[in-house]
Structures are given as C-alpha cells and as structure tokens.
C-alpha cells in the first residue's frame, strides 16, 4: 500500500512536470512567433534588438527632458504671475487707502489746511 501511494505521488509529480514543460514550450513558441520578421523581411539579429532598445531608451530620455523643461518653465511663469499678483494686490491696497477719510489730526489734513491758506494768500494778492 505504501509503495502504491509513493507511485501515485511520483506519477502526479511527473504529470505536473510534463505540464510545466508544455507551458514553457508554448511560451517559447509564442515569443519566437512574435519576434519572427514579417514576410519579405530578413531575420533580425540580437544586435538589432539591442540597438532598437537603446534608441527607444534615448527617445524616452529626450521626451522626459522636454517635459522637465516645460515643467521648469511653467514653474518660473507661475512664480512670476504670483509676484505680479502680489504687486497688484499691494497697489490696490494703497489705492483703497487713498480713499479713506482724513481725520483732523492726520498729516494730510494739516497739509490740506496749509495749501488752502497758501491759495487764499495768493488769491488776495
């Protein structure tokens, strides 16, 4: 009975290994089929694929550099716009303050009185 169980275990392992071998064969055939050149073209060497991969990598690097440049330019423009907005905000605040009422104790009120006195003095002459 023990020998029979061992025989079944070995048989199951053998079937499992055959199954793995079949899967690997099918995978190999699929890869070879996809790498096969189209009709009318010569077969490509390993060097072709190495060169192609290097070219693709270089193209991706170039695109990445272009995107980095665009991002950098956009960040600079954003900072410039933020500075412009801050300047505009400050000027608007100053302009708004210029419309505030002048109190009788402020310097502006005193300047106004002096100018009016000068105006009257010039008008009397």
N, C-alpha and C. Protein backbone atom coordinates (compact mmCIF):
# COMPACT_ATOMS: atom_id res chain seq x y z
N UNK A 1 0.83 -1.19 0.00
CA UNK A 1 0.00 0.00 0.00
C UNK A 1 0.88 1.27 0.00
N UNK A 2 1.95 1.25 0.78
CA UNK A 2 2.89 2.37 0.85
C UNK A 2 3.55 2.60 -0.51
N UNK A 3 3.92 1.53 -1.16
CA UNK A 3 4.56 1.63 -2.48
C UNK A 3 3.57 2.20 -3.48
N UNK A 4 2.31 1.82 -3.37
CA UNK A 4 1.29 2.33 -4.29
C UNK A 4 1.08 3.84 -4.10
N UNK A 5 1.09 4.32 -2.87
CA UNK A 5 0.94 5.76 -2.60
C UNK A 5 2.15 6.53 -3.14
N UNK A 6 3.34 5.95 -2.95
CA UNK A 6 4.55 6.57 -3.45
C UNK A 6 4.52 6.62 -4.97
N UNK A 7 4.05 5.56 -5.60
CA UNK A 7 3.92 5.50 -7.05
C UNK A 7 2.96 6.59 -7.55
N UNK A 8 1.83 6.77 -6.85
CA UNK A 8 0.86 7.81 -7.23
C UNK A 8 1.46 9.22 -7.08
N UNK A 9 2.21 9.45 -6.01
CA UNK A 9 2.86 10.75 -5.80
C UNK A 9 3.87 11.05 -6.89
N UNK A 10 4.68 10.05 -7.24
CA UNK A 10 5.67 10.23 -8.30
C UNK A 10 4.97 10.46 -9.64
N UNK A 11 3.90 9.73 -9.87
CA UNK A 11 3.15 9.88 -11.11
C UNK A 11 2.55 11.29 -11.21
N UNK A 12 2.01 11.78 -10.10
CA UNK A 12 1.44 13.13 -10.10
C UNK A 12 2.53 14.17 -10.35
N UNK A 13 3.67 13.99 -9.74
CA UNK A 13 4.79 14.91 -9.94
C UNK A 13 5.25 14.89 -11.39
N UNK A 14 5.29 13.69 -11.99
CA UNK A 14 5.69 13.55 -13.38
C UNK A 14 4.71 14.29 -14.30
N UNK A 15 3.41 14.13 -14.05
CA UNK A 15 2.41 14.83 -14.86
C UNK A 15 2.54 16.35 -14.68
N UNK A 16 2.82 16.78 -13.48
CA UNK A 16 3.00 18.21 -13.21
C UNK A 16 4.19 18.76 -13.97
N UNK A 17 5.27 18.02 -13.99
CA UNK A 17 6.47 18.47 -14.71
C UNK A 17 6.24 18.49 -16.21
N UNK A 18 5.52 17.48 -16.73
CA UNK A 18 5.18 17.49 -18.16
C UNK A 18 4.32 18.71 -18.49
N UNK A 19 3.41 19.04 -17.61
CA UNK A 19 2.55 20.20 -17.81
C UNK A 19 3.39 21.48 -17.85
N UNK A 20 4.35 21.60 -16.94
CA UNK A 20 5.23 22.77 -16.93
C UNK A 20 6.05 22.85 -18.21
N UNK A 21 6.53 21.69 -18.67
CA UNK A 21 7.31 21.65 -19.91
C UNK A 21 6.47 22.11 -21.08
N UNK A 22 5.21 21.65 -21.14
CA UNK A 22 4.31 22.06 -22.23
C UNK A 22 4.07 23.57 -22.19
N UNK A 23 3.86 24.11 -20.99
CA UNK A 23 3.64 25.55 -20.85
C UNK A 23 4.86 26.33 -21.32
N UNK A 24 6.04 25.88 -20.94
CA UNK A 24 7.27 26.56 -21.36
C UNK A 24 7.46 26.49 -22.87
N UNK A 25 7.14 25.33 -23.47
CA UNK A 25 7.25 25.19 -24.92
C UNK A 25 6.32 26.17 -25.63
N UNK A 26 5.07 26.25 -25.14
CA UNK A 26 4.10 27.15 -25.76
C UNK A 26 4.53 28.60 -25.61
N UNK A 27 5.06 28.93 -24.45
CA UNK A 27 5.54 30.29 -24.22
C UNK A 27 6.70 30.62 -25.15
N UNK A 28 7.63 29.67 -25.31
CA UNK A 28 8.77 29.85 -26.21
C UNK A 28 8.30 30.04 -27.64
N UNK A 29 7.34 29.22 -28.06
CA UNK A 29 6.82 29.33 -29.43
C UNK A 29 6.15 30.69 -29.66
N UNK A 30 5.42 31.14 -28.65
CA UNK A 30 4.76 32.44 -28.76
C UNK A 30 5.78 33.57 -28.88
N UNK A 31 6.80 33.53 -28.06
CA UNK A 31 7.85 34.56 -28.12
C UNK A 31 8.56 34.51 -29.46
N UNK A 32 8.88 33.33 -29.92
CA UNK A 32 9.56 33.20 -31.21
C UNK A 32 8.67 33.69 -32.35
N UNK A 33 7.37 33.44 -32.23
CA UNK A 33 6.44 33.88 -33.27
C UNK A 33 6.37 35.41 -33.30
N UNK A 34 6.33 36.03 -32.12
CA UNK A 34 6.24 37.49 -32.09
C UNK A 34 7.53 38.15 -32.56
N UNK A 35 8.65 37.49 -32.40
CA UNK A 35 9.93 38.06 -32.82
C UNK A 35 10.24 37.73 -34.28
N UNK A 36 9.45 36.88 -34.87
CA UNK A 36 9.67 36.48 -36.25
C UNK A 36 9.41 37.67 -37.17
N UNK A 37 10.27 37.90 -38.14
CA UNK A 37 10.07 39.06 -39.03
C UNK A 37 8.87 38.83 -39.94
N UNK A 38 8.23 39.90 -40.36
CA UNK A 38 7.11 39.76 -41.31
C UNK A 38 7.61 39.18 -42.63
N UNK A 39 6.69 38.72 -43.43
CA UNK A 39 7.06 38.13 -44.72
C UNK A 39 7.77 39.16 -45.57
N UNK A 40 8.82 38.76 -46.21
CA UNK A 40 9.55 39.65 -47.09
C UNK A 40 10.70 40.38 -46.39
N UNK A 41 10.81 40.24 -45.09
CA UNK A 41 11.91 40.89 -44.37
C UNK A 41 12.88 39.84 -43.86
N UNK A 42 14.14 40.23 -43.74
CA UNK A 42 15.12 39.28 -43.25
C UNK A 42 15.00 39.14 -41.73
N UNK A 43 15.56 38.10 -41.23
CA UNK A 43 15.50 37.84 -39.79
C UNK A 43 16.41 38.84 -39.07
N UNK A 44 15.94 39.34 -37.95
CA UNK A 44 16.69 40.35 -37.20
C UNK A 44 17.58 39.68 -36.17
N UNK A 45 18.74 40.28 -35.99
CA UNK A 45 19.71 39.71 -35.05
C UNK A 45 19.50 40.31 -33.67
N UNK A 46 20.23 39.76 -32.73
CA UNK A 46 20.16 40.26 -31.36
C UNK A 46 20.66 41.71 -31.30
N UNK A 47 21.66 42.02 -32.11
CA UNK A 47 22.20 43.38 -32.14
C UNK A 47 21.13 44.38 -32.55
N UNK A 48 20.26 43.98 -33.48
CA UNK A 48 19.16 44.86 -33.91
C UNK A 48 18.30 45.22 -32.71
N UNK A 49 17.93 44.21 -31.92
CA UNK A 49 17.05 44.46 -30.78
C UNK A 49 17.76 45.28 -29.69
N UNK A 50 19.05 45.08 -29.52
CA UNK A 50 19.81 45.87 -28.55
C UNK A 50 19.85 47.33 -28.99
N UNK A 51 20.12 47.54 -30.29
CA UNK A 51 20.16 48.91 -30.82
C UNK A 51 18.78 49.55 -30.74
N UNK A 52 17.76 48.80 -31.09
CA UNK A 52 16.39 49.33 -31.04
C UNK A 52 16.03 49.73 -29.62
N UNK A 53 16.38 48.89 -28.64
CA UNK A 53 16.09 49.20 -27.24
C UNK A 53 16.84 50.46 -26.81
N UNK A 54 18.08 50.61 -27.24
CA UNK A 54 18.87 51.80 -26.91
C UNK A 54 18.25 53.05 -27.53
N UNK A 55 17.78 52.93 -28.78
CA UNK A 55 17.13 54.07 -29.44
C UNK A 55 15.84 54.45 -28.72
N UNK A 56 15.06 53.44 -28.35
CA UNK A 56 13.81 53.71 -27.63
C UNK A 56 14.10 54.39 -26.29
N UNK A 57 15.13 53.91 -25.61
CA UNK A 57 15.52 54.50 -24.32
C UNK A 57 15.94 55.95 -24.51
N UNK A 58 16.71 56.22 -25.55
CA UNK A 58 17.17 57.58 -25.83
C UNK A 58 15.98 58.49 -26.14
N UNK A 59 15.03 57.98 -26.92
CA UNK A 59 13.84 58.77 -27.26
C UNK A 59 13.04 59.09 -25.99
N UNK A 60 12.86 58.12 -25.12
CA UNK A 60 12.15 58.35 -23.88
C UNK A 60 12.88 59.36 -22.99
N UNK A 61 14.21 59.28 -22.98
CA UNK A 61 15.02 60.22 -22.20
C UNK A 61 14.84 61.63 -22.74
N UNK A 62 14.84 61.76 -24.06
CA UNK A 62 14.65 63.07 -24.69
C UNK A 62 13.27 63.64 -24.35
N UNK A 63 12.24 62.80 -24.44
CA UNK A 63 10.89 63.25 -24.10
C UNK A 63 10.81 63.67 -22.63
N UNK A 64 11.46 62.90 -21.77
CA UNK A 64 11.49 63.25 -20.34
C UNK A 64 12.17 64.58 -20.11
N UNK A 65 13.27 64.82 -20.82
CA UNK A 65 13.98 66.10 -20.70
C UNK A 65 13.10 67.26 -21.17
N UNK A 66 12.38 67.04 -22.28
CA UNK A 66 11.48 68.08 -22.77
C UNK A 66 10.39 68.39 -21.76
N UNK A 67 9.82 67.34 -21.16
CA UNK A 67 8.78 67.55 -20.15
C UNK A 67 9.34 68.27 -18.93
N UNK A 68 10.56 67.91 -18.51
CA UNK A 68 11.19 68.60 -17.39
C UNK A 68 11.38 70.09 -17.71
N UNK A 69 11.79 70.39 -18.93
CA UNK A 69 11.98 71.78 -19.34
C UNK A 69 10.64 72.54 -19.30
N UNK A 70 9.59 71.88 -19.78
CA UNK A 70 8.27 72.52 -19.76
C UNK A 70 7.81 72.76 -18.33
N UNK A 71 8.05 71.80 -17.45
CA UNK A 71 7.65 71.95 -16.05
C UNK A 71 8.43 73.11 -15.42
N UNK A 72 9.73 73.15 -15.67
CA UNK A 72 10.56 74.22 -15.12
C UNK A 72 10.08 75.59 -15.62
N UNK A 73 9.79 75.69 -16.91
CA UNK A 73 9.31 76.94 -17.48
C UNK A 73 7.97 77.32 -16.86
N UNK A 74 7.10 76.35 -16.69
CA UNK A 74 5.80 76.61 -16.08
C UNK A 74 5.92 77.08 -14.65
N UNK A 75 6.86 76.48 -13.90
CA UNK A 75 7.07 76.90 -12.51
C UNK A 75 7.58 78.33 -12.44
N UNK A 76 8.51 78.69 -13.36
CA UNK A 76 9.02 80.06 -13.39
C UNK A 76 7.90 81.04 -13.72
N UNK A 77 7.07 80.69 -14.69
CA UNK A 77 5.95 81.56 -15.07
C UNK A 77 4.98 81.71 -13.91
N UNK A 78 4.75 80.63 -13.19
CA UNK A 78 3.84 80.67 -12.04
C UNK A 78 4.38 81.61 -10.97
N UNK A 79 5.69 81.51 -10.68
CA UNK A 79 6.29 82.40 -9.69
C UNK A 79 6.17 83.86 -10.14
N UNK A 80 6.41 84.11 -11.44
CA UNK A 80 6.30 85.46 -11.96
C UNK A 80 4.87 85.98 -11.83
N UNK A 81 3.91 85.14 -12.13
CA UNK A 81 2.50 85.55 -12.01
C UNK A 81 2.12 85.81 -10.55
N UNK A 82 2.64 84.99 -9.64
CA UNK A 82 2.36 85.20 -8.22
C UNK A 82 2.96 86.52 -7.75
N UNK A 83 4.19 86.85 -8.21
CA UNK A 83 4.80 88.13 -7.86
C UNK A 83 3.99 89.29 -8.41
N UNK A 84 3.56 89.17 -9.66
CA UNK A 84 2.75 90.21 -10.28
C UNK A 84 1.44 90.40 -9.51
N UNK A 85 0.83 89.30 -9.14
CA UNK A 85 -0.42 89.37 -8.38
C UNK A 85 -0.20 90.06 -7.03
N UNK A 86 0.92 89.75 -6.38
CA UNK A 86 1.23 90.38 -5.10
C UNK A 86 1.43 91.89 -5.28
N UNK A 87 2.15 92.30 -6.33
CA UNK A 87 2.34 93.73 -6.60
C UNK A 87 1.01 94.42 -6.86
N UNK A 88 0.17 93.79 -7.66
CA UNK A 88 -1.14 94.35 -7.97
C UNK A 88 -1.98 94.48 -6.71
N UNK A 89 -1.93 93.47 -5.87
CA UNK A 89 -2.68 93.49 -4.61
C UNK A 89 -2.19 94.64 -3.72
N UNK A 90 -0.87 94.81 -3.63
CA UNK A 90 -0.32 95.90 -2.82
C UNK A 90 -0.74 97.27 -3.37
N UNK A 91 -0.68 97.42 -4.69
CA UNK A 91 -1.08 98.70 -5.29
C UNK A 91 -2.56 98.97 -5.06
N UNK A 92 -3.39 97.92 -5.16
CA UNK A 92 -4.82 98.09 -4.91
C UNK A 92 -5.08 98.49 -3.46
N UNK A 93 -4.33 97.89 -2.54
CA UNK A 93 -4.48 98.25 -1.12
C UNK A 93 -4.12 99.71 -0.90
N UNK A 94 -3.02 100.15 -1.50
CA UNK A 94 -2.60 101.54 -1.38
C UNK A 94 -3.65 102.47 -1.98
N UNK A 95 -4.19 102.08 -3.12
CA UNK A 95 -5.21 102.89 -3.79
C UNK A 95 -6.47 102.98 -2.94
N UNK A 96 -6.88 101.85 -2.34
CA UNK A 96 -8.06 101.84 -1.47
C UNK A 96 -7.85 102.74 -0.25
N UNK A 97 -6.64 102.70 0.30
CA UNK A 97 -6.33 103.52 1.49
C UNK A 97 -6.39 105.00 1.15
N UNK A 98 -6.10 105.33 -0.11
CA UNK A 98 -6.12 106.74 -0.50
C UNK A 98 -7.54 107.32 -0.45
N UNK A 99 -8.55 106.47 -0.47
CA UNK A 99 -9.94 106.93 -0.40
C UNK A 99 -10.47 106.98 1.03
N UNK A 100 -9.67 106.58 1.98
CA UNK A 100 -10.15 106.61 3.36
C UNK A 100 -10.25 108.06 3.83
N UNK A 101 -11.16 108.32 4.75
CA UNK A 101 -11.39 109.68 5.23
C UNK A 101 -10.19 110.17 6.03
N UNK A 102 -9.91 111.42 5.87
CA UNK A 102 -8.79 112.04 6.55
C UNK A 102 -9.30 112.60 7.88
N UNK A 103 -8.63 112.25 8.95
CA UNK A 103 -9.02 112.78 10.25
C UNK A 103 -8.37 114.15 10.46
N UNK A 104 -8.90 114.92 11.38
CA UNK A 104 -8.40 116.28 11.61
C UNK A 104 -7.02 116.29 12.27
N UNK A 105 -6.59 115.16 12.78
CA UNK A 105 -5.29 115.10 13.44
C UNK A 105 -4.20 114.52 12.53
N UNK A 106 -4.54 114.11 11.34
CA UNK A 106 -3.55 113.47 10.47
C UNK A 106 -2.70 114.51 9.73
N UNK A 107 -1.57 114.08 9.20
CA UNK A 107 -0.66 114.95 8.45
C UNK A 107 -1.32 115.47 7.19
N UNK A 108 -2.10 114.62 6.54
CA UNK A 108 -2.76 115.03 5.30
C UNK A 108 -3.70 116.21 5.54
N UNK A 109 -4.39 116.20 6.66
CA UNK A 109 -5.32 117.29 6.96
C UNK A 109 -4.55 118.59 7.18
N UNK A 110 -3.43 118.47 7.89
CA UNK A 110 -2.60 119.65 8.12
C UNK A 110 -2.05 120.20 6.80
N UNK A 111 -1.62 119.28 5.91
CA UNK A 111 -1.14 119.70 4.59
C UNK A 111 -2.23 120.40 3.80
N UNK A 112 -3.44 119.88 3.91
CA UNK A 112 -4.58 120.47 3.21
C UNK A 112 -4.82 121.90 3.71
N UNK A 113 -4.79 122.08 5.04
CA UNK A 113 -5.02 123.41 5.59
C UNK A 113 -3.93 124.40 5.13
N UNK A 114 -2.68 123.97 5.12
CA UNK A 114 -1.58 124.83 4.67
C UNK A 114 -1.77 125.23 3.21
N UNK A 115 -2.15 124.24 2.39
CA UNK A 115 -2.35 124.54 0.96
C UNK A 115 -3.51 125.50 0.76
N UNK A 116 -4.58 125.35 1.54
CA UNK A 116 -5.72 126.26 1.42
C UNK A 116 -5.33 127.69 1.85
N UNK A 117 -4.51 127.78 2.91
CA UNK A 117 -4.03 129.09 3.36
C UNK A 117 -3.18 129.74 2.27
N UNK A 118 -2.31 128.93 1.63
CA UNK A 118 -1.47 129.46 0.56
C UNK A 118 -2.33 129.92 -0.62
N UNK A 119 -3.38 129.16 -0.91
CA UNK A 119 -4.30 129.50 -2.01
C UNK A 119 -4.98 130.84 -1.73
N UNK A 120 -5.43 130.99 -0.50
CA UNK A 120 -6.12 132.25 -0.13
C UNK A 120 -5.13 133.40 -0.18
N UNK A 121 -3.91 133.17 0.26
CA UNK A 121 -2.90 134.24 0.26
C UNK A 121 -2.61 134.68 -1.17
N UNK A 122 -2.54 133.71 -2.08
CA UNK A 122 -2.26 134.02 -3.49
C UNK A 122 -3.47 134.73 -4.09
N UNK A 123 -4.68 134.32 -3.70
CA UNK A 123 -5.91 134.92 -4.23
C UNK A 123 -6.09 136.35 -3.78
N UNK A 124 -5.59 136.73 -2.60
CA UNK A 124 -5.73 138.08 -2.07
C UNK A 124 -4.78 139.05 -2.72
N UNK A 125 -3.69 138.56 -3.23
CA UNK A 125 -2.68 139.45 -3.82
C UNK A 125 -3.10 139.94 -5.12
